[in-house]
PDB file of N, CA and C in Angstrom:
ATOM      1  N   UNK A   1      11.143 -13.057  -7.207  1.00  0.00           N
ATOM      2  CA  UNK A   1      10.682 -13.172  -5.880  1.00  0.00           C
ATOM      3  C   UNK A   1      11.728 -12.651  -4.861  1.00  0.00           C
ATOM      4  N   UNK A   2      11.135 -11.929  -3.829  1.00  0.00           N
ATOM      5  CA  UNK A   2      11.788 -11.316  -2.825  1.00  0.00           C
ATOM      6  C   UNK A   2      12.742 -12.045  -2.057  1.00  0.00           C
ATOM      7  N   UNK A   3      13.681 -11.535  -1.428  1.00  0.00           N
ATOM      8  CA  UNK A   3      14.595 -12.376  -0.378  1.00  0.00           C
ATOM      9  C   UNK A   3      13.800 -12.624   0.934  1.00  0.00           C
ATOM     10  N   UNK A   4      14.289 -13.701   1.744  1.00  0.00           N
ATOM     11  CA  UNK A   4      13.640 -14.096   2.782  1.00  0.00           C
ATOM     12  C   UNK A   4      14.302 -13.179   3.891  1.00  0.00           C
ATOM     13  N   UNK A   5      13.558 -12.694   4.881  1.00  0.00           N
ATOM     14  CA  UNK A   5      14.282 -12.024   5.986  1.00  0.00           C
ATOM     15  C   UNK A   5      13.918 -12.881   7.254  1.00  0.00           C
ATOM     16  N   UNK A   6      14.908 -12.814   8.153  1.00  0.00           N
ATOM     17  CA  UNK A   6      14.942 -13.666   9.441  1.00  0.00           C
ATOM     18  C   UNK A   6      14.583 -12.444  10.397  1.00  0.00           C
ATOM     19  N   UNK A   7      13.496 -12.359  10.934  1.00  0.00           N
ATOM     20  CA  UNK A   7      13.234 -11.390  12.047  1.00  0.00           C
ATOM     21  C   UNK A   7      13.521 -12.194  13.327  1.00  0.00           C
ATOM     22  N   UNK A   8      14.455 -12.173  13.997  1.00  0.00           N
ATOM     23  CA  UNK A   8      14.777 -12.955  15.246  1.00  0.00           C
ATOM     24  C   UNK A   8      14.043 -12.340  16.343  1.00  0.00           C
ATOM     25  N   UNK A   9      13.753 -11.014  16.307  1.00  0.00           N
ATOM     26  CA  UNK A   9      12.970 -10.316  17.353  1.00  0.00           C
ATOM     27  C   UNK A   9      11.250 -10.764  17.525  1.00  0.00           C
ATOM     28  N   UNK A  10      10.864 -10.954  16.063  1.00  0.00           N
ATOM     29  CA  UNK A  10       9.589 -11.728  16.070  1.00  0.00           C
ATOM     30  C   UNK A  10       9.610 -13.118  15.936  1.00  0.00           C
ATOM     31  N   UNK A  11      10.763 -13.814  16.030  1.00  0.00           N
ATOM     32  CA  UNK A  11      10.829 -15.238  15.915  1.00  0.00           C
ATOM     33  C   UNK A  11      10.089 -15.812  14.585  1.00  0.00           C
ATOM     34  N   UNK A  12      10.518 -15.337  13.341  1.00  0.00           N
ATOM     35  CA  UNK A  12       9.852 -15.463  12.070  1.00  0.00           C
ATOM     36  C   UNK A  12      10.672 -15.242  10.921  1.00  0.00           C
ATOM     37  N   UNK A  13      10.495 -16.172   9.873  1.00  0.00           N
ATOM     38  CA  UNK A  13      10.940 -15.947   8.372  1.00  0.00           C
ATOM     39  C   UNK A  13       9.748 -15.121   7.654  1.00  0.00           C
ATOM     40  N   UNK A  14      10.206 -14.090   6.803  1.00  0.00           N
ATOM     41  CA  UNK A  14       9.020 -13.647   6.071  1.00  0.00           C
ATOM     42  C   UNK A  14       9.715 -13.218   4.696  1.00  0.00           C
ATOM     43  N   UNK A  15       8.718 -13.259   3.630  1.00  0.00           N
ATOM     44  CA  UNK A  15       8.954 -12.502   2.431  1.00  0.00           C
ATOM     45  C   UNK A  15       7.775 -12.127   2.037  1.00  0.00           C
ATOM     46  N   UNK A  16       7.709 -11.418   0.718  1.00  0.00           N
ATOM     47  CA  UNK A  16       6.629 -10.883   0.013  1.00  0.00           C
ATOM     48  C   UNK A  16       6.463 -11.317  -1.365  1.00  0.00           C
ATOM     49  N   UNK A  17       5.552 -11.615  -2.050  1.00  0.00           N
ATOM     50  CA  UNK A  17       5.200 -11.876  -3.284  1.00  0.00           C
ATOM     51  C   UNK A  17       4.069 -11.370  -3.964  1.00  0.00           C
ATOM     52  N   UNK A  18       4.141 -10.736  -4.864  1.00  0.00           N
ATOM     53  CA  UNK A  18       3.065  -9.846  -5.523  1.00  0.00           C
ATOM     54  C   UNK A  18       2.196  -9.280  -4.608  1.00  0.00           C
ATOM     55  N   UNK A  19       2.842  -8.511  -3.511  1.00  0.00           N
ATOM     56  CA  UNK A  19       2.144  -7.590  -2.369  1.00  0.00           C
ATOM     57  C   UNK A  19       1.611  -8.587  -1.393  1.00  0.00           C
ATOM     58  N   UNK A  20       1.754 -10.009  -1.434  1.00  0.00           N
ATOM     59  CA  UNK A  20       1.426 -10.742  -0.312  1.00  0.00           C
ATOM     60  C   UNK A  20       2.637 -10.809   0.492  1.00  0.00           C
ATOM     61  N   UNK A  21       2.329 -11.034   2.071  1.00  0.00           N
ATOM     62  CA  UNK A  21       3.327 -11.417   2.735  1.00  0.00           C
ATOM     63  C   UNK A  21       3.310 -12.771   3.304  1.00  0.00           C
ATOM     64  N   UNK A  22       4.244 -13.694   3.193  1.00  0.00           N
ATOM     65  CA  UNK A  22       4.398 -15.012   3.687  1.00  0.00           C
ATOM     66  C   UNK A  22       5.185 -15.064   4.922  1.00  0.00           C
ATOM     67  N   UNK A  23       4.821 -16.084   5.886  1.00  0.00           N
ATOM     68  CA  UNK A  23       5.652 -16.068   7.252  1.00  0.00           C
ATOM     69  C   UNK A  23       5.918 -17.575   7.348  1.00  0.00           C
ATOM     70  N   UNK A  24       6.950 -17.901   8.192  1.00  0.00           N
ATOM     71  CA  UNK A  24       7.152 -18.953   8.920  1.00  0.00           C
ATOM     72  C   UNK A  24       7.538 -18.486  10.196  1.00  0.00           C
ATOM     73  N   UNK A  25       6.631 -19.092  11.330  1.00  0.00           N
ATOM     74  CA  UNK A  25       6.646 -18.810  12.726  1.00  0.00           C
ATOM     75  C   UNK A  25       7.302 -19.699  13.383  1.00  0.00           C
ATOM     76  N   UNK A  26       8.178 -19.369  14.481  1.00  0.00           N
ATOM     77  CA  UNK A  26       8.967 -20.364  15.287  1.00  0.00           C
ATOM     78  C   UNK A  26       9.207 -20.060  16.784  1.00  0.00           C
ATOM     79  N   UNK A  27       9.486 -20.663  17.610  1.00  0.00           N
ATOM     80  CA  UNK A  27       9.883 -20.433  18.895  1.00  0.00           C
ATOM     81  C   UNK A  27      10.981 -21.041  19.137  1.00  0.00           C
ATOM     82  N   UNK A  28      11.687 -20.584  20.014  1.00  0.00           N
ATOM     83  CA  UNK A  28      13.397 -21.218  20.326  1.00  0.00           C
ATOM     84  C   UNK A  28      13.061 -21.828  21.717  1.00  0.00           C
ATOM     85  N   UNK A  29      13.284 -22.988  21.861  1.00  0.00           N
ATOM     86  CA  UNK A  29      13.299 -23.868  23.184  1.00  0.00           C
ATOM     87  C   UNK A  29      14.274 -24.579  23.541  1.00  0.00           C
ATOM     88  N   UNK A  30      15.123 -24.387  24.222  1.00  0.00           N
ATOM     89  CA  UNK A  30      16.347 -25.149  24.696  1.00  0.00           C
ATOM     90  C   UNK A  30      17.087 -25.961  23.737  1.00  0.00           C
ATOM     91  N   UNK A  31      17.495 -25.095  22.704  1.00  0.00           N
ATOM     92  CA  UNK A  31      18.316 -25.702  21.765  1.00  0.00           C
ATOM     93  C   UNK A  31      17.544 -26.253  20.481  1.00  0.00           C
ATOM     94  N   UNK A  32      16.225 -26.076  20.669  1.00  0.00           N
ATOM     95  CA  UNK A  32      15.344 -26.256  19.380  1.00  0.00           C
ATOM     96  C   UNK A  32      14.941 -25.051  18.760  1.00  0.00           C
ATOM     97  N   UNK A  33      14.541 -25.259  17.392  1.00  0.00           N
ATOM     98  CA  UNK A  33      13.751 -24.158  16.652  1.00  0.00           C
ATOM     99  C   UNK A  33      12.513 -24.906  16.482  1.00  0.00           C
ATOM    100  N   UNK A  34      11.364 -24.627  17.173  1.00  0.00           N
ATOM    101  CA  UNK A  34      10.221 -25.372  16.999  1.00  0.00           C
ATOM    102  C   UNK A  34       9.215 -24.548  15.975  1.00  0.00           C
ATOM    103  N   UNK A  35       9.021 -25.176  14.923  1.00  0.00           N
ATOM    104  CA  UNK A  35       8.431 -24.301  13.757  1.00  0.00           C
ATOM    105  C   UNK A  35       6.758 -24.443  14.207  1.00  0.00           C
ATOM    106  N   UNK A  36       6.141 -23.310  14.330  1.00  0.00           N
ATOM    107  CA  UNK A  36       4.990 -23.431  14.783  1.00  0.00           C
ATOM    108  C   UNK A  36       3.769 -23.138  13.807  1.00  0.00           C
ATOM    109  N   UNK A  37       4.170 -22.448  12.606  1.00  0.00           N
ATOM    110  CA  UNK A  37       3.059 -22.153  11.743  1.00  0.00           C
ATOM    111  C   UNK A  37       3.759 -21.670  10.503  1.00  0.00           C
ATOM    112  N   UNK A  38       3.361 -21.952   9.325  1.00  0.00           N
ATOM    113  CA  UNK A  38       3.492 -21.634   8.000  1.00  0.00           C
ATOM    114  C   UNK A  38       2.553 -20.958   7.150  1.00  0.00           C
ATOM    115  N   UNK A  39       2.650 -19.818   6.888  1.00  0.00           N
ATOM    116  CA  UNK A  39       1.278 -19.032   6.279  1.00  0.00           C
ATOM    117  C   UNK A  39       1.765 -18.413   5.067  1.00  0.00           C
ATOM    118  N   UNK A  40       0.974 -18.745   3.930  1.00  0.00           N
ATOM    119  CA  UNK A  40       1.283 -18.347   2.560  1.00  0.00           C
ATOM    120  C   UNK A  40      -0.065 -17.955   1.884  1.00  0.00           C
ATOM    121  N   UNK A  41      -0.385 -16.926   1.978  1.00  0.00           N
ATOM    122  CA  UNK A  41      -1.805 -16.369   1.379  1.00  0.00           C
ATOM    123  C   UNK A  41      -2.062 -17.286   0.333  1.00  0.00           C
ATOM    124  N   UNK A  42      -3.555 -17.447   0.059  1.00  0.00           N
ATOM    125  CA  UNK A  42      -3.946 -18.155  -0.971  1.00  0.00           C
ATOM    126  C   UNK A  42      -3.764 -17.614  -2.297  1.00  0.00           C
ATOM    127  N   UNK A  43      -3.778 -16.199  -2.544  1.00  0.00           N
ATOM    128  CA  UNK A  43      -3.541 -15.712  -3.723  1.00  0.00           C
ATOM    129  C   UNK A  43      -2.087 -15.858  -4.359  1.00  0.00           C
ATOM    130  N   UNK A  44      -1.092 -16.431  -3.616  1.00  0.00           N
ATOM    131  CA  UNK A  44       0.051 -16.819  -4.098  1.00  0.00           C
ATOM    132  C   UNK A  44       0.601 -18.158  -3.686  1.00  0.00           C
ATOM    133  N   UNK A  45      -0.259 -19.092  -3.455  1.00  0.00           N
ATOM    134  CA  UNK A  45      -0.026 -20.365  -2.992  1.00  0.00           C
ATOM    135  C   UNK A  45       0.345 -21.162  -3.949  1.00  0.00           C
ATOM    136  N   UNK A  46       1.030 -22.460  -4.004  1.00  0.00           N
ATOM    137  CA  UNK A  46       1.473 -23.126  -5.065  1.00  0.00           C
ATOM    138  C   UNK A  46       2.543 -22.706  -5.885  1.00  0.00           C
ATOM    139  N   UNK A  47       3.310 -21.779  -5.307  1.00  0.00           N
ATOM    140  CA  UNK A  47       4.526 -21.254  -5.958  1.00  0.00           C
ATOM    141  C   UNK A  47       6.040 -21.593  -5.278  1.00  0.00           C
ATOM    142  N   UNK A  48       6.037 -22.445  -4.430  1.00  0.00           N
ATOM    143  CA  UNK A  48       6.992 -22.813  -3.729  1.00  0.00           C
ATOM    144  C   UNK A  48       7.593 -22.015  -2.614  1.00  0.00           C
ATOM    145  N   UNK A  49       6.603 -20.956  -2.180  1.00  0.00           N
ATOM    146  CA  UNK A  49       7.115 -19.991  -1.219  1.00  0.00           C
ATOM    147  C   UNK A  49       7.105 -20.665   0.091  1.00  0.00           C
ATOM    148  N   UNK A  50       6.165 -21.508   0.515  1.00  0.00           N
ATOM    149  CA  UNK A  50       6.540 -22.239   1.897  1.00  0.00           C
ATOM    150  C   UNK A  50       7.632 -22.910   1.717  1.00  0.00           C
ATOM    151  N   UNK A  51       7.964 -23.668   0.841  1.00  0.00           N
ATOM    152  CA  UNK A  51       9.126 -24.544   0.606  1.00  0.00           C
ATOM    153  C   UNK A  51      10.469 -23.625   0.947  1.00  0.00           C
ATOM    154  N   UNK A  52      10.650 -22.630   0.116  1.00  0.00           N
ATOM    155  CA  UNK A  52      11.674 -21.765   0.435  1.00  0.00           C
ATOM    156  C   UNK A  52      11.772 -21.004   1.880  1.00  0.00           C
ATOM    157  N   UNK A  53      10.593 -20.966   2.662  1.00  0.00           N
ATOM    158  CA  UNK A  53      10.767 -20.390   3.942  1.00  0.00           C
ATOM    159  C   UNK A  53      11.435 -21.325   4.785  1.00  0.00           C
ATOM    160  N   UNK A  54      10.605 -22.562   4.446  1.00  0.00           N
ATOM    161  CA  UNK A  54      11.170 -23.671   5.433  1.00  0.00           C
ATOM    162  C   UNK A  54      12.506 -24.188   5.162  1.00  0.00           C
ATOM    163  N   UNK A  55      13.076 -24.272   3.934  1.00  0.00           N
ATOM    164  CA  UNK A  55      14.284 -24.528   3.614  1.00  0.00           C
ATOM    165  C   UNK A  55      15.285 -23.387   4.632  1.00  0.00           C
ATOM    166  N   UNK A  56      15.082 -22.162   4.282  1.00  0.00           N
ATOM    167  CA  UNK A  56      15.765 -21.115   5.170  1.00  0.00           C
ATOM    168  C   UNK A  56      15.763 -21.295   6.413  1.00  0.00           C
ATOM    169  N   UNK A  57      14.475 -21.600   7.097  1.00  0.00           N
ATOM    170  CA  UNK A  57      14.483 -21.926   8.484  1.00  0.00           C
ATOM    171  C   UNK A  57      15.419 -22.968   8.879  1.00  0.00           C
ATOM    172  N   UNK A  58      15.271 -24.239   8.177  1.00  0.00           N
ATOM    173  CA  UNK A  58      16.272 -25.474   8.474  1.00  0.00           C
ATOM    174  C   UNK A  58      17.882 -24.956   8.446  1.00  0.00           C
ATOM    175  N   UNK A  59      17.980 -24.126   7.416  1.00  0.00           N
ATOM    176  CA  UNK A  59      19.479 -23.576   7.042  1.00  0.00           C
ATOM    177  C   UNK A  59      20.009 -22.833   8.298  1.00  0.00           C
ATOM    178  N   UNK A  60      19.075 -22.033   8.548  1.00  0.00           N
ATOM    179  CA  UNK A  60      19.387 -21.084   9.908  1.00  0.00           C
ATOM    180  C   UNK A  60      19.438 -21.801  10.901  1.00  0.00           C
ATOM    181  N   UNK A  61      18.718 -22.859  11.396  1.00  0.00           N
ATOM    182  CA  UNK A  61      18.693 -23.705  12.535  1.00  0.00           C
ATOM    183  C   UNK A  61      20.085 -24.333  12.441  1.00  0.00           C
ATOM    184  N   UNK A  62      20.498 -24.853  11.331  1.00  0.00           N
ATOM    185  CA  UNK A  62      21.969 -25.636  11.330  1.00  0.00           C
ATOM    186  C   UNK A  62      22.858 -24.772  11.582  1.00  0.00           C
ATOM    187  N   UNK A  63      22.892 -23.406  10.952  1.00  0.00           N
ATOM    188  CA  UNK A  63      24.211 -22.624  11.332  1.00  0.00           C
ATOM    189  C   UNK A  63      23.926 -22.188  12.813  1.00  0.00           C
ATOM    190  N   UNK A  64      23.067 -21.950  13.359  1.00  0.00           N
ATOM    191  CA  UNK A  64      22.790 -21.838  14.840  1.00  0.00           C
ATOM    192  C   UNK A  64      23.061 -22.948  15.780  1.00  0.00           C
ATOM    193  N   UNK A  65      23.397 -24.056  15.199  1.00  0.00           N
ATOM    194  CA  UNK A  65      23.531 -25.184  16.135  1.00  0.00           C
ATOM    195  C   UNK A  65      22.401 -25.695  16.747  1.00  0.00           C
ATOM    196  N   UNK A  66      21.051 -25.480  16.199  1.00  0.00           N
ATOM    197  CA  UNK A  66      19.884 -25.847  16.791  1.00  0.00           C
ATOM    198  C   UNK A  66      19.289 -27.048  16.255  1.00  0.00           C
ATOM    199  N   UNK A  67      18.572 -27.887  16.839  1.00  0.00           N
ATOM    200  CA  UNK A  67      17.684 -29.027  16.117  1.00  0.00           C
ATOM    201  C   UNK A  67      16.455 -28.343  15.863  1.00  0.00           C
ATOM    202  N   UNK A  68      15.698 -29.101  14.657  1.00  0.00           N
ATOM    203  CA  UNK A  68      14.279 -28.567  14.538  1.00  0.00           C
ATOM    204  C   UNK A  68      13.278 -29.429  14.792  1.00  0.00           C
ATOM    205  N   UNK A  69      11.983 -28.913  15.224  1.00  0.00           N
ATOM    206  CA  UNK A  69      11.037 -29.759  15.598  1.00  0.00           C
ATOM    207  C   UNK A  69       9.744 -28.949  14.872  1.00  0.00           C
ATOM    208  N   UNK A  70       9.551 -29.762  13.670  1.00  0.00           N
ATOM    209  CA  UNK A  70       8.431 -28.963  12.979  1.00  0.00           C
ATOM    210  C   UNK A  70       6.858 -29.384  13.211  1.00  0.00           C
ATOM    211  N   UNK A  71       6.515 -28.594  14.158  1.00  0.00           N
ATOM    212  CA  UNK A  71       4.861 -28.852  14.738  1.00  0.00           C
ATOM    213  C   UNK A  71       3.730 -28.441  13.687  1.00  0.00           C
ATOM    214  N   UNK A  72       4.154 -27.612  12.685  1.00  0.00           N
ATOM    215  CA  UNK A  72       3.124 -27.445  11.812  1.00  0.00           C
ATOM    216  C   UNK A  72       3.082 -28.392  10.761  1.00  0.00           C
ATOM    217  N   UNK A  73       1.900 -28.672  10.180  1.00  0.00           N
ATOM    218  CA  UNK A  73       1.890 -29.773   9.150  1.00  0.00           C
ATOM    219  C   UNK A  73       2.838 -29.547   8.010  1.00  0.00           C
ATOM    220  N   UNK A  74       2.597 -28.524   7.556  1.00  0.00           N
ATOM    221  CA  UNK A  74       3.500 -28.122   6.390  1.00  0.00           C
ATOM    222  C   UNK A  74       5.017 -28.450   6.464  1.00  0.00           C
ATOM    223  N   UNK A  75       5.582 -27.846   7.592  1.00  0.00           N
ATOM    224  CA  UNK A  75       6.988 -28.075   7.707  1.00  0.00           C
ATOM    225  C   UNK A  75       7.193 -29.551   8.120  1.00  0.00           C
ATOM    226  N   UNK A  76       6.518 -30.209   8.749  1.00  0.00           N
ATOM    227  CA  UNK A  76       6.542 -31.766   9.045  1.00  0.00           C
ATOM    228  C   UNK A  76       6.729 -32.509   7.976  1.00  0.00           C
ATOM    229  N   UNK A  77       5.739 -32.195   6.817  1.00  0.00           N
ATOM    230  CA  UNK A  77       5.621 -32.725   5.621  1.00  0.00           C
ATOM    231  C   UNK A  77       6.916 -32.611   4.684  1.00  0.00           C
ATOM    232  N   UNK A  78       7.241 -31.220   4.808  1.00  0.00           N
ATOM    233  CA  UNK A  78       8.585 -30.855   4.017  1.00  0.00           C
ATOM    234  C   UNK A  78       9.812 -31.540   4.372  1.00  0.00           C
ATOM    235  N   UNK A  79       9.746 -31.673   5.879  1.00  0.00           N
ATOM    236  CA  UNK A  79      11.067 -32.497   6.481  1.00  0.00           C
ATOM    237  C   UNK A  79      11.145 -33.895   6.059  1.00  0.00           C
ATOM    238  N   UNK A  80       9.877 -34.468   5.754  1.00  0.00           N
ATOM    239  CA  UNK A  80       9.903 -35.928   5.429  1.00  0.00           C
ATOM    240  C   UNK A  80      10.252 -36.073   4.079  1.00  0.00           C
ATOM    241  N   UNK A  81      10.286 -35.039   3.174  1.00  0.00           N
ATOM    242  CA  UNK A  81      10.378 -35.229   1.776  1.00  0.00           C
ATOM    243  C   UNK A  81      11.986 -34.551   1.554  1.00  0.00           C
ATOM    244  N   UNK A  82      12.512 -34.192   2.486  1.00  0.00           N
ATOM    245  CA  UNK A  82      13.958 -33.627   2.419  1.00  0.00           C
ATOM    246  C   UNK A  82      14.999 -34.386   3.342  1.00  0.00           C
ATOM    247  N   UNK A  83      15.259 -35.748   3.046  1.00  0.00           N
ATOM    248  CA  UNK A  83      16.228 -36.496   3.994  1.00  0.00           C
ATOM    249  C   UNK A  83      17.438 -35.694   4.479  1.00  0.00           C
ATOM    250  N   UNK A  84      17.825 -34.717   3.626  1.00  0.00           N
ATOM    251  CA  UNK A  84      19.165 -34.007   3.675  1.00  0.00           C
ATOM    252  C   UNK A  84      19.082 -33.267   4.983  1.00  0.00           C
ATOM    253  N   UNK A  85      18.037 -33.128   5.483  1.00  0.00           N
ATOM    254  CA  UNK A  85      17.969 -32.243   7.036  1.00  0.00           C
ATOM    255  C   UNK A  85      17.660 -33.130   7.939  1.00  0.00           C
ATOM    256  N   UNK A  86      17.475 -34.638   7.853  1.00  0.00           N
ATOM    257  CA  UNK A  86      17.083 -35.332   8.901  1.00  0.00           C
ATOM    258  C   UNK A  86      17.836 -35.142  10.107  1.00  0.00           C
ATOM    259  N   UNK A  87      19.292 -35.223  10.041  1.00  0.00           N
ATOM    260  CA  UNK A  87      20.179 -34.848  11.156  1.00  0.00           C
ATOM    261  C   UNK A  87      19.549 -33.641  12.169  1.00  0.00           C
ATOM    262  N   UNK A  88      18.928 -32.764  11.592  1.00  0.00           N
ATOM    263  CA  UNK A  88      18.518 -31.672  12.502  1.00  0.00           C
ATOM    264  C   UNK A  88      17.261 -32.125  13.171  1.00  0.00           C
ATOM    265  N   UNK A  89      16.530 -33.104  12.948  1.00  0.00           N
ATOM    266  CA  UNK A  89      15.351 -33.770  13.506  1.00  0.00           C
ATOM    267  C   UNK A  89      15.720 -34.588  14.802  1.00  0.00           C
ATOM    268  N   UNK A  90      16.782 -35.187  14.904  1.00  0.00           N
ATOM    269  CA  UNK A  90      17.174 -36.042  15.888  1.00  0.00           C
ATOM    270  C   UNK A  90      17.450 -35.317  17.080  1.00  0.00           C
TER     271      UNK A  90
END
């Protein structure tokens, strides 16, 4: 699996797998990373790519001192399953 790149100019995290690009998009608003969309092509779904993207985004937010607001359904569900990141949601 390829590494995840953080493209700050485009406000997204991206990686590719088997020639398909997967992304997590966000907006930065008043000390928050607002995750707006997680996109993994159907051809490579179910392989943990969205989870890797989301974990990387949460870790980046932590490193940058941001809180996280997961507005997309995938990221919101991921956050519920990973209580170790709860402090970033408050």
